[in-house]
Amino acid sequence: MRIDKLLWFLRLAKTRPIAQALAEEGHMRLNGRRIDRAHQKVSAGDVLTLPTPSGVAVVEVIALPVRRGPPSEAEECYRVLDGMAVHPIAAARNDA
């Protein structure tokens, strides 16, 4: 699955164009390697490092979603690895 589509499906980006811009800015990492293209392939088990308004989030993709469903369905497809007290992705959702 493309990284921009994954970010949108997992509700880590509000729109697909925002997800594409986020991927193309070059601030994200996939398994430790910098990415700068929206069509980068992602699979289950990959680790994403994402910039957030409150810092950086490290997320492991557990399963690839088949659609952009409700937030509860999206949250079942990834796990936050950085162990921050406040969930940075949830905080970003509330700020935006």
PDB file of N, CA and C in Angstrom:
ATOM      1  N   MET A   1       0.839  -1.170   0.000  1.00  0.00           N
ATOM      2  CA  MET A   1       0.000   0.000   0.000  1.00  0.00           C
ATOM      3  C   MET A   1       0.892   1.244   0.000  1.00  0.00           C
ATOM      4  N   ARG A   2       0.460   2.276  -0.695  1.00  0.00           N
ATOM      5  CA  ARG A   2       1.185   3.544  -0.745  1.00  0.00           C
ATOM      6  C   ARG A   2       1.153   4.225   0.619  1.00  0.00           C
ATOM      7  N   ILE A   3       2.231   4.919   0.960  1.00  0.00           N
ATOM      8  CA  ILE A   3       2.313   5.553   2.272  1.00  0.00           C
ATOM      9  C   ILE A   3       1.292   6.675   2.435  1.00  0.00           C
ATOM     10  N   ASP A   4       1.015   7.429   1.379  1.00  0.00           N
ATOM     11  CA  ASP A   4       0.031   8.503   1.508  1.00  0.00           C
ATOM     12  C   ASP A   4      -1.365   7.940   1.776  1.00  0.00           C
ATOM     13  N   LYS A   5      -1.686   6.868   1.102  1.00  0.00           N
ATOM     14  CA  LYS A   5      -2.987   6.229   1.310  1.00  0.00           C
ATOM     15  C   LYS A   5      -3.073   5.640   2.719  1.00  0.00           C
ATOM     16  N   LEU A   6      -1.986   5.044   3.188  1.00  0.00           N
ATOM     17  CA  LEU A   6      -1.954   4.480   4.536  1.00  0.00           C
ATOM     18  C   LEU A   6      -2.161   5.568   5.592  1.00  0.00           C
ATOM     19  N   LEU A   7      -1.460   6.683   5.472  1.00  0.00           N
ATOM     20  CA  LEU A   7      -1.607   7.776   6.429  1.00  0.00           C
ATOM     21  C   LEU A   7      -3.041   8.286   6.473  1.00  0.00           C
ATOM     22  N   TRP A   8      -3.658   8.355   5.323  1.00  0.00           N
ATOM     23  CA  TRP A   8      -5.044   8.812   5.246  1.00  0.00           C
ATOM     24  C   TRP A   8      -5.993   7.769   5.832  1.00  0.00           C
ATOM     25  N   PHE A   9      -5.823   6.504   5.470  1.00  0.00           N
ATOM     26  CA  PHE A   9      -6.671   5.432   5.999  1.00  0.00           C
ATOM     27  C   PHE A   9      -6.552   5.315   7.516  1.00  0.00           C
ATOM     28  N   LEU A  10      -5.332   5.486   8.055  1.00  0.00           N
ATOM     29  CA  LEU A  10      -5.116   5.369   9.497  1.00  0.00           C
ATOM     30  C   LEU A  10      -5.489   6.643  10.248  1.00  0.00           C
ATOM     31  N   ARG A  11      -5.963   7.643   9.510  1.00  0.00           N
ATOM     32  CA  ARG A  11      -6.370   8.916  10.101  1.00  0.00           C
ATOM     33  C   ARG A  11      -5.213   9.658  10.754  1.00  0.00           C
ATOM     34  N   LEU A  12      -4.016   9.468  10.212  1.00  0.00           N
ATOM     35  CA  LEU A  12      -2.851  10.212  10.661  1.00  0.00           C
ATOM     36  C   LEU A  12      -2.722  11.505   9.869  1.00  0.00           C
ATOM     37  N   ALA A  13      -3.517  11.636   8.811  1.00  0.00           N
ATOM     38  CA  ALA A  13      -3.614  12.857   8.013  1.00  0.00           C
ATOM     39  C   ALA A  13      -5.086  13.066   7.687  1.00  0.00           C
ATOM     40  N   LYS A  14      -5.528  14.323   7.721  1.00  0.00           N
ATOM     41  CA  LYS A  14      -6.945  14.619   7.496  1.00  0.00           C
ATOM     42  C   LYS A  14      -7.387  14.329   6.067  1.00  0.00           C
ATOM     43  N   THR A  15      -6.527  14.641   5.090  1.00  0.00           N
ATOM     44  CA  THR A  15      -6.874  14.427   3.687  1.00  0.00           C
ATOM     45  C   THR A  15      -5.722  13.720   2.984  1.00  0.00           C
ATOM     46  N   ARG A  16      -6.021  13.161   1.839  1.00  0.00           N
ATOM     47  CA  ARG A  16      -4.977  12.481   1.080  1.00  0.00           C
ATOM     48  C   ARG A  16      -3.931  13.459   0.544  1.00  0.00           C
ATOM     49  N   PRO A  17      -4.322  14.659   0.058  1.00  0.00           N
ATOM     50  CA  PRO A  17      -3.290  15.614  -0.362  1.00  0.00           C
ATOM     51  C   PRO A  17      -2.359  16.030   0.786  1.00  0.00           C
ATOM     52  N   ILE A  18      -2.883  16.138   2.002  1.00  0.00           N
ATOM     53  CA  ILE A  18      -2.032  16.446   3.147  1.00  0.00           C
ATOM     54  C   ILE A  18      -1.069  15.287   3.398  1.00  0.00           C
ATOM     55  N   ALA A  19      -1.560  14.061   3.267  1.00  0.00           N
ATOM     56  CA  ALA A  19      -0.710  12.879   3.443  1.00  0.00           C
ATOM     57  C   ALA A  19       0.380  12.841   2.374  1.00  0.00           C
ATOM     58  N   GLN A  20       0.041  13.194   1.134  1.00  0.00           N
ATOM     59  CA  GLN A  20       1.032  13.223   0.060  1.00  0.00           C
ATOM     60  C   GLN A  20       2.109  14.264   0.345  1.00  0.00           C
ATOM     61  N   ALA A  21       1.692  15.441   0.786  1.00  0.00           N
ATOM     62  CA  ALA A  21       2.653  16.504   1.094  1.00  0.00           C
ATOM     63  C   ALA A  21       3.548  16.092   2.256  1.00  0.00           C
ATOM     64  N   LEU A  22       2.981  15.465   3.267  1.00  0.00           N
ATOM     65  CA  LEU A  22       3.751  15.007   4.420  1.00  0.00           C
ATOM     66  C   LEU A  22       4.830  14.012   3.988  1.00  0.00           C
ATOM     67  N   ALA A  23       4.466  13.101   3.096  1.00  0.00           N
ATOM     68  CA  ALA A  23       5.429  12.105   2.612  1.00  0.00           C
ATOM     69  C   ALA A  23       6.514  12.743   1.743  1.00  0.00           C
ATOM     70  N   GLU A  24       6.147  13.718   0.937  1.00  0.00           N
ATOM     71  CA  GLU A  24       7.098  14.319  -0.003  1.00  0.00           C
ATOM     72  C   GLU A  24       8.013  15.356   0.644  1.00  0.00           C
ATOM     73  N   GLU A  25       7.679  15.826   1.844  1.00  0.00           N
ATOM     74  CA  GLU A  25       8.528  16.804   2.525  1.00  0.00           C
ATOM     75  C   GLU A  25       9.846  16.203   2.991  1.00  0.00           C
ATOM     76  N   GLY A  26       9.886  14.882   3.144  1.00  0.00           N
ATOM     77  CA  GLY A  26      11.125  14.218   3.525  1.00  0.00           C
ATOM     78  C   GLY A  26      11.388  14.169   5.010  1.00  0.00           C
ATOM     79  N   HIS A  27      10.383  14.450   5.832  1.00  0.00           N
ATOM     80  CA  HIS A  27      10.570  14.426   7.279  1.00  0.00           C
ATOM     81  C   HIS A  27      10.162  13.092   7.901  1.00  0.00           C
ATOM     82  N   MET A  28       9.633  12.179   7.108  1.00  0.00           N
ATOM     83  CA  MET A  28       9.208  10.873   7.613  1.00  0.00           C
ATOM     84  C   MET A  28      10.270   9.829   7.335  1.00  0.00           C
ATOM     85  N   ARG A  29      10.259   8.805   8.184  1.00  0.00           N
ATOM     86  CA  ARG A  29      11.164   7.674   7.981  1.00  0.00           C
ATOM     87  C   ARG A  29      10.353   6.391   7.995  1.00  0.00           C
ATOM     88  N   LEU A  30      10.758   5.474   7.144  1.00  0.00           N
ATOM     89  CA  LEU A  30      10.154   4.147   7.063  1.00  0.00           C
ATOM     90  C   LEU A  30      11.247   3.141   7.357  1.00  0.00           C
ATOM     91  N   ASN A  31      11.120   2.446   8.475  1.00  0.00           N
ATOM     92  CA  ASN A  31      12.144   1.499   8.924  1.00  0.00           C
ATOM     93  C   ASN A  31      13.526   2.152   9.002  1.00  0.00           C
ATOM     94  N   GLY A  32      13.551   3.415   9.450  1.00  0.00           N
ATOM     95  CA  GLY A  32      14.803   4.130   9.631  1.00  0.00           C
ATOM     96  C   GLY A  32      15.334   4.831   8.393  1.00  0.00           C
ATOM     97  N   ARG A  33      14.700   4.630   7.250  1.00  0.00           N
ATOM     98  CA  ARG A  33      15.170   5.255   6.007  1.00  0.00           C
ATOM     99  C   ARG A  33      14.257   6.409   5.634  1.00  0.00           C
ATOM    100  N   ARG A  34      14.857   7.530   5.292  1.00  0.00           N
ATOM    101  CA  ARG A  34      14.099   8.722   4.917  1.00  0.00           C
ATOM    102  C   ARG A  34      13.317   8.470   3.634  1.00  0.00           C
ATOM    103  N   ILE A  35      12.070   8.927   3.619  1.00  0.00           N
ATOM    104  CA  ILE A  35      11.278   8.808   2.396  1.00  0.00           C
ATOM    105  C   ILE A  35      10.918  10.205   1.900  1.00  0.00           C
ATOM    106  N   ASP A  36      10.809  10.342   0.589  1.00  0.00           N
ATOM    107  CA  ASP A  36      10.466  11.637   0.017  1.00  0.00           C
ATOM    108  C   ASP A  36       9.517  11.497  -1.171  1.00  0.00           C
ATOM    109  N   ARG A  37       8.759  10.421  -1.177  1.00  0.00           N
ATOM    110  CA  ARG A  37       7.794  10.229  -2.261  1.00  0.00           C
ATOM    111  C   ARG A  37       6.523   9.605  -1.695  1.00  0.00           C
ATOM    112  N   ALA A  38       5.411  10.029  -2.211  1.00  0.00           N
ATOM    113  CA  ALA A  38       4.112   9.590  -1.703  1.00  0.00           C
ATOM    114  C   ALA A  38       3.772   8.158  -2.109  1.00  0.00           C
ATOM    115  N   HIS A  39       4.418   7.645  -3.124  1.00  0.00           N
ATOM    116  CA  HIS A  39       4.091   6.296  -3.581  1.00  0.00           C
ATOM    117  C   HIS A  39       4.982   5.217  -2.960  1.00  0.00           C
ATOM    118  N   GLN A  40       5.721   5.573  -1.924  1.00  0.00           N
ATOM    119  CA  GLN A  40       6.549   4.587  -1.215  1.00  0.00           C
ATOM    120  C   GLN A  40       5.653   3.468  -0.676  1.00  0.00           C
ATOM    121  N   LYS A  41       6.031   2.235  -0.896  1.00  0.00           N
ATOM    122  CA  LYS A  41       5.242   1.082  -0.446  1.00  0.00           C
ATOM    123  C   LYS A  41       5.466   0.805   1.031  1.00  0.00           C
ATOM    124  N   VAL A  42       4.386   0.482   1.729  1.00  0.00           N
ATOM    125  CA  VAL A  42       4.416   0.153   3.151  1.00  0.00           C
ATOM    126  C   VAL A  42       3.707  -1.178   3.326  1.00  0.00           C
ATOM    127  N   SER A  43       4.200  -1.988   4.255  1.00  0.00           N
ATOM    128  CA  SER A  43       3.544  -3.267   4.537  1.00  0.00           C
ATOM    129  C   SER A  43       3.440  -3.452   6.048  1.00  0.00           C
ATOM    130  N   ALA A  44       2.685  -4.450   6.453  1.00  0.00           N
ATOM    131  CA  ALA A  44       2.525  -4.745   7.878  1.00  0.00           C
ATOM    132  C   ALA A  44       3.884  -5.079   8.477  1.00  0.00           C
ATOM    133  N   GLY A  45       4.127  -4.581   9.681  1.00  0.00           N
ATOM    134  CA  GLY A  45       5.400  -4.797  10.355  1.00  0.00           C
ATOM    135  C   GLY A  45       6.377  -3.652  10.183  1.00  0.00           C
ATOM    136  N   ASP A  46       6.101  -2.727   9.263  1.00  0.00           N
ATOM    137  CA  ASP A  46       6.980  -1.577   9.056  1.00  0.00           C
ATOM    138  C   ASP A  46       6.829  -0.585  10.199  1.00  0.00           C
ATOM    139  N   VAL A  47       7.892   0.167  10.451  1.00  0.00           N
ATOM    140  CA  VAL A  47       7.895   1.185  11.503  1.00  0.00           C
ATOM    141  C   VAL A  47       8.014   2.556  10.846  1.00  0.00           C
ATOM    142  N   LEU A  48       7.079   3.445  11.167  1.00  0.00           N
ATOM    143  CA  LEU A  48       7.063   4.803  10.639  1.00  0.00           C
ATOM    144  C   LEU A  48       7.453   5.787  11.728  1.00  0.00           C
ATOM    145  N   THR A  49       8.268   6.755  11.378  1.00  0.00           N
ATOM    146  CA  THR A  49       8.592   7.862  12.264  1.00  0.00           C
ATOM    147  C   THR A  49       7.992   9.106  11.628  1.00  0.00           C
ATOM    148  N   LEU A  50       7.055   9.730  12.342  1.00  0.00           N
ATOM    149  CA  LEU A  50       6.276  10.834  11.796  1.00  0.00           C
ATOM    150  C   LEU A  50       6.456  12.101  12.609  1.00  0.00           C
ATOM    151  N   PRO A  51       6.519  13.265  11.946  1.00  0.00           N
ATOM    152  CA  PRO A  51       6.496  14.511  12.703  1.00  0.00           C
ATOM    153  C   PRO A  51       5.064  14.796  13.151  1.00  0.00           C
ATOM    154  N   THR A  52       4.907  15.294  14.371  1.00  0.00           N
ATOM    155  CA  THR A  52       3.601  15.687  14.893  1.00  0.00           C
ATOM    156  C   THR A  52       3.733  17.090  15.472  1.00  0.00           C
ATOM    157  N   PRO A  53       2.624  17.750  15.720  1.00  0.00           N
ATOM    158  CA  PRO A  53       2.716  19.092  16.304  1.00  0.00           C
ATOM    159  C   PRO A  53       3.433  19.110  17.658  1.00  0.00           C
ATOM    160  N   SER A  54       3.369  17.999  18.394  1.00  0.00           N
ATOM    161  CA  SER A  54       4.000  17.962  19.711  1.00  0.00           C
ATOM    162  C   SER A  54       5.375  17.298  19.713  1.00  0.00           C
ATOM    163  N   GLY A  55       5.886  16.923  18.564  1.00  0.00           N
ATOM    164  CA  GLY A  55       7.199  16.278  18.491  1.00  0.00           C
ATOM    165  C   GLY A  55       7.251  15.232  17.397  1.00  0.00           C
ATOM    166  N   VAL A  56       7.659  14.027  17.780  1.00  0.00           N
ATOM    167  CA  VAL A  56       7.805  12.935  16.819  1.00  0.00           C
ATOM    168  C   VAL A  56       7.074  11.714  17.349  1.00  0.00           C
ATOM    169  N   ALA A  57       6.404  10.989  16.460  1.00  0.00           N
ATOM    170  CA  ALA A  57       5.722   9.750  16.843  1.00  0.00           C
ATOM    171  C   ALA A  57       6.356   8.591  16.096  1.00  0.00           C
ATOM    172  N   VAL A  58       6.563   7.494  16.789  1.00  0.00           N
ATOM    173  CA  VAL A  58       7.067   6.267  16.183  1.00  0.00           C
ATOM    174  C   VAL A  58       5.934   5.262  16.233  1.00  0.00           C
ATOM    175  N   VAL A  59       5.536   4.771  15.053  1.00  0.00           N
ATOM    176  CA  VAL A  59       4.356   3.932  14.919  1.00  0.00           C
ATOM    177  C   VAL A  59       4.706   2.665  14.167  1.00  0.00           C
ATOM    178  N   GLU A  60       4.243   1.526  14.661  1.00  0.00           N
ATOM    179  CA  GLU A  60       4.405   0.252  13.944  1.00  0.00           C
ATOM    180  C   GLU A  60       3.087  -0.081  13.268  1.00  0.00           C
ATOM    181  N   VAL A  61       3.149  -0.415  11.986  1.00  0.00           N
ATOM    182  CA  VAL A  61       1.958  -0.809  11.242  1.00  0.00           C
ATOM    183  C   VAL A  61       1.701  -2.283  11.547  1.00  0.00           C
ATOM    184  N   ILE A  62       0.577  -2.565  12.172  1.00  0.00           N
ATOM    185  CA  ILE A  62       0.227  -3.940  12.535  1.00  0.00           C
ATOM    186  C   ILE A  62      -0.478  -4.638  11.385  1.00  0.00           C
ATOM    187  N   ALA A  63      -1.407  -3.927  10.756  1.00  0.00           N
ATOM    188  CA  ALA A  63      -2.160  -4.483   9.629  1.00  0.00           C
ATOM    189  C   ALA A  63      -2.480  -3.354   8.663  1.00  0.00           C
ATOM    190  N   LEU A  64      -2.630  -3.689   7.395  1.00  0.00           N
ATOM    191  CA  LEU A  64      -3.000  -2.696   6.403  1.00  0.00           C
ATOM    192  C   LEU A  64      -4.520  -2.579   6.359  1.00  0.00           C
ATOM    193  N   PRO A  65      -5.041  -1.370   6.538  1.00  0.00           N
ATOM    194  CA  PRO A  65      -6.491  -1.197   6.494  1.00  0.00           C
ATOM    195  C   PRO A  65      -7.006  -1.333   5.065  1.00  0.00           C
ATOM    196  N   VAL A  66      -8.257  -1.714   4.932  1.00  0.00           N
ATOM    197  CA  VAL A  66      -8.847  -1.858   3.603  1.00  0.00           C
ATOM    198  C   VAL A  66      -9.669  -0.638   3.212  1.00  0.00           C
ATOM    199  N   ARG A  67      -9.928   0.251   4.201  1.00  0.00           N
ATOM    200  CA  ARG A  67     -10.703   1.452   3.922  1.00  0.00           C
ATOM    201  C   ARG A  67     -10.394   2.502   4.982  1.00  0.00           C
ATOM    202  N   ARG A  68     -10.885   3.707   4.750  1.00  0.00           N
ATOM    203  CA  ARG A  68     -10.792   4.763   5.761  1.00  0.00           C
ATOM    204  C   ARG A  68     -12.063   4.670   6.600  1.00  0.00           C
ATOM    205  N   GLY A  69     -11.976   3.906   7.646  1.00  0.00           N
ATOM    206  CA  GLY A  69     -13.123   3.680   8.506  1.00  0.00           C
ATOM    207  C   GLY A  69     -13.119   4.604   9.700  1.00  0.00           C
ATOM    208  N   PRO A  70     -13.884   4.245  10.718  1.00  0.00           N
ATOM    209  CA  PRO A  70     -13.926   5.057  11.929  1.00  0.00           C
ATOM    210  C   PRO A  70     -12.588   5.011  12.671  1.00  0.00           C
ATOM    211  N   PRO A  71     -12.328   5.998  13.536  1.00  0.00           N
ATOM    212  CA  PRO A  71     -11.047   6.041  14.259  1.00  0.00           C
ATOM    213  C   PRO A  71     -10.748   4.765  15.038  1.00  0.00           C
ATOM    214  N   SER A  72     -11.750   4.150  15.630  1.00  0.00           N
ATOM    215  CA  SER A  72     -11.503   2.923  16.397  1.00  0.00           C
ATOM    216  C   SER A  72     -10.974   1.807  15.503  1.00  0.00           C
ATOM    217  N   GLU A  73     -11.480   1.738  14.296  1.00  0.00           N
ATOM    218  CA  GLU A  73     -11.014   0.724  13.336  1.00  0.00           C
ATOM    219  C   GLU A  73      -9.589   1.033  12.879  1.00  0.00           C
ATOM    220  N   ALA A  74      -9.295   2.304  12.662  1.00  0.00           N
ATOM    221  CA  ALA A  74      -7.959   2.710  12.222  1.00  0.00           C
ATOM    222  C   ALA A  74      -6.923   2.434  13.313  1.00  0.00           C
ATOM    223  N   GLU A  75      -7.271   2.703  14.574  1.00  0.00           N
ATOM    224  CA  GLU A  75      -6.322   2.521  15.673  1.00  0.00           C
ATOM    225  C   GLU A  75      -5.961   1.063  15.908  1.00  0.00           C
ATOM    226  N   GLU A  76      -6.773   0.140  15.416  1.00  0.00           N
ATOM    227  CA  GLU A  76      -6.460  -1.286  15.536  1.00  0.00           C
ATOM    228  C   GLU A  76      -5.361  -1.714  14.565  1.00  0.00           C
ATOM    229  N   CYS A  77      -5.041  -0.868  13.593  1.00  0.00           N
ATOM    230  CA  CYS A  77      -4.075  -1.222  12.560  1.00  0.00           C
ATOM    231  C   CYS A  77      -2.659  -0.745  12.854  1.00  0.00           C
ATOM    232  N   TYR A  78      -2.478   0.022  13.929  1.00  0.00           N
ATOM    233  CA  TYR A  78      -1.130   0.483  14.259  1.00  0.00           C
ATOM    234  C   TYR A  78      -0.942   0.533  15.771  1.00  0.00           C
ATOM    235  N   ARG A  79       0.339   0.619  16.167  1.00  0.00           N
ATOM    236  CA  ARG A  79       0.695   0.688  17.583  1.00  0.00           C
ATOM    237  C   ARG A  79       1.753   1.768  17.740  1.00  0.00           C
ATOM    238  N   VAL A  80       1.566   2.641  18.711  1.00  0.00           N
ATOM    239  CA  VAL A  80       2.528   3.709  18.981  1.00  0.00           C
ATOM    240  C   VAL A  80       3.662   3.120  19.807  1.00  0.00           C
ATOM    241  N   LEU A  81       4.897   3.273  19.351  1.00  0.00           N
ATOM    242  CA  LEU A  81       6.056   2.651  19.992  1.00  0.00           C
ATOM    243  C   LEU A  81       6.859   3.585  20.887  1.00  0.00           C
ATOM    244  N   ASP A  82       6.685   4.890  20.754  1.00  0.00           N
ATOM    245  CA  ASP A  82       7.571   5.797  21.484  1.00  0.00           C
ATOM    246  C   ASP A  82       7.248   5.921  22.965  1.00  0.00           C
ATOM    247  N   GLY A  83       6.127   5.396  23.442  1.00  0.00           N
ATOM    248  CA  GLY A  83       5.826   5.353  24.864  1.00  0.00           C
ATOM    249  C   GLY A  83       5.595   6.697  25.515  1.00  0.00           C
ATOM    250  N   MET A  84       5.155   7.697  24.751  1.00  0.00           N
ATOM    251  CA  MET A  84       4.876   9.004  25.339  1.00  0.00           C
ATOM    252  C   MET A  84       3.623   8.920  26.205  1.00  0.00           C
ATOM    253  N   ALA A  85       3.564   9.737  27.267  1.00  0.00           N
ATOM    254  CA  ALA A  85       2.419   9.728  28.176  1.00  0.00           C
ATOM    255  C   ALA A  85       1.146  10.174  27.455  1.00  0.00           C
ATOM    256  N   VAL A  86       1.247  11.187  26.625  1.00  0.00           N
ATOM    257  CA  VAL A  86       0.111  11.662  25.849  1.00  0.00           C
ATOM    258  C   VAL A  86       0.236  11.099  24.444  1.00  0.00           C
ATOM    259  N   HIS A  87      -0.824  10.510  23.955  1.00  0.00           N
ATOM    260  CA  HIS A  87      -0.827   9.935  22.612  1.00  0.00           C
ATOM    261  C   HIS A  87      -0.675  11.076  21.603  1.00  0.00           C
ATOM    262  N   PRO A  88       0.483  11.236  20.912  1.00  0.00           N
ATOM    263  CA  PRO A  88       0.726  12.385  20.059  1.00  0.00           C
ATOM    264  C   PRO A  88      -0.218  12.480  18.867  1.00  0.00           C
ATOM    265  N   ILE A  89      -0.643  11.363  18.350  1.00  0.00           N
ATOM    266  CA  ILE A  89      -1.521  11.386  17.189  1.00  0.00           C
ATOM    267  C   ILE A  89      -2.911  11.838  17.612  1.00  0.00           C
ATOM    268  N   ALA A  90      -3.376  11.377  18.763  1.00  0.00           N
ATOM    269  CA  ALA A  90      -4.670  11.821  19.275  1.00  0.00           C
ATOM    270  C   ALA A  90      -4.626  13.311  19.599  1.00  0.00           C
ATOM    271  N   ALA A  91      -3.492  13.777  20.131  1.00  0.00           N
ATOM    272  CA  ALA A  91      -3.348  15.195  20.442  1.00  0.00           C
ATOM    273  C   ALA A  91      -3.377  16.011  19.161  1.00  0.00           C
ATOM    274  N   ALA A  92      -2.758  15.528  18.107  1.00  0.00           N
ATOM    275  CA  ALA A  92      -2.758  16.225  16.828  1.00  0.00           C
ATOM    276  C   ALA A  92      -4.168  16.309  16.261  1.00  0.00           C
ATOM    277  N   ARG A  93      -4.941  15.237  16.437  1.00  0.00           N
ATOM    278  CA  ARG A  93      -6.326  15.222  15.958  1.00  0.00           C
ATOM    279  C   ARG A  93      -7.148  16.276  16.685  1.00  0.00           C
ATOM    280  N   ASN A  94      -6.917  16.446  17.978  1.00  0.00           N
ATOM    281  CA  ASN A  94      -7.687  17.407  18.750  1.00  0.00           C
ATOM    282  C   ASN A  94      -7.267  18.843  18.454  1.00  0.00           C
ATOM    283  N   ASP A  95      -5.993  19.068  18.135  1.00  0.00           N
ATOM    284  CA  ASP A  95      -5.499  20.409  17.845  1.00  0.00           C
ATOM    285  C   ASP A  95      -5.966  20.903  16.487  1.00  0.00           C
ATOM    286  N   ALA A  96      -6.094  19.998  15.545  1.00  0.00           N
ATOM    287  CA  ALA A  96      -6.389  20.397  14.164  1.00  0.00           C
ATOM    288  C   ALA A  96      -7.829  20.680  13.925  1.00  0.00           C
TER     289      ALA A  96
END
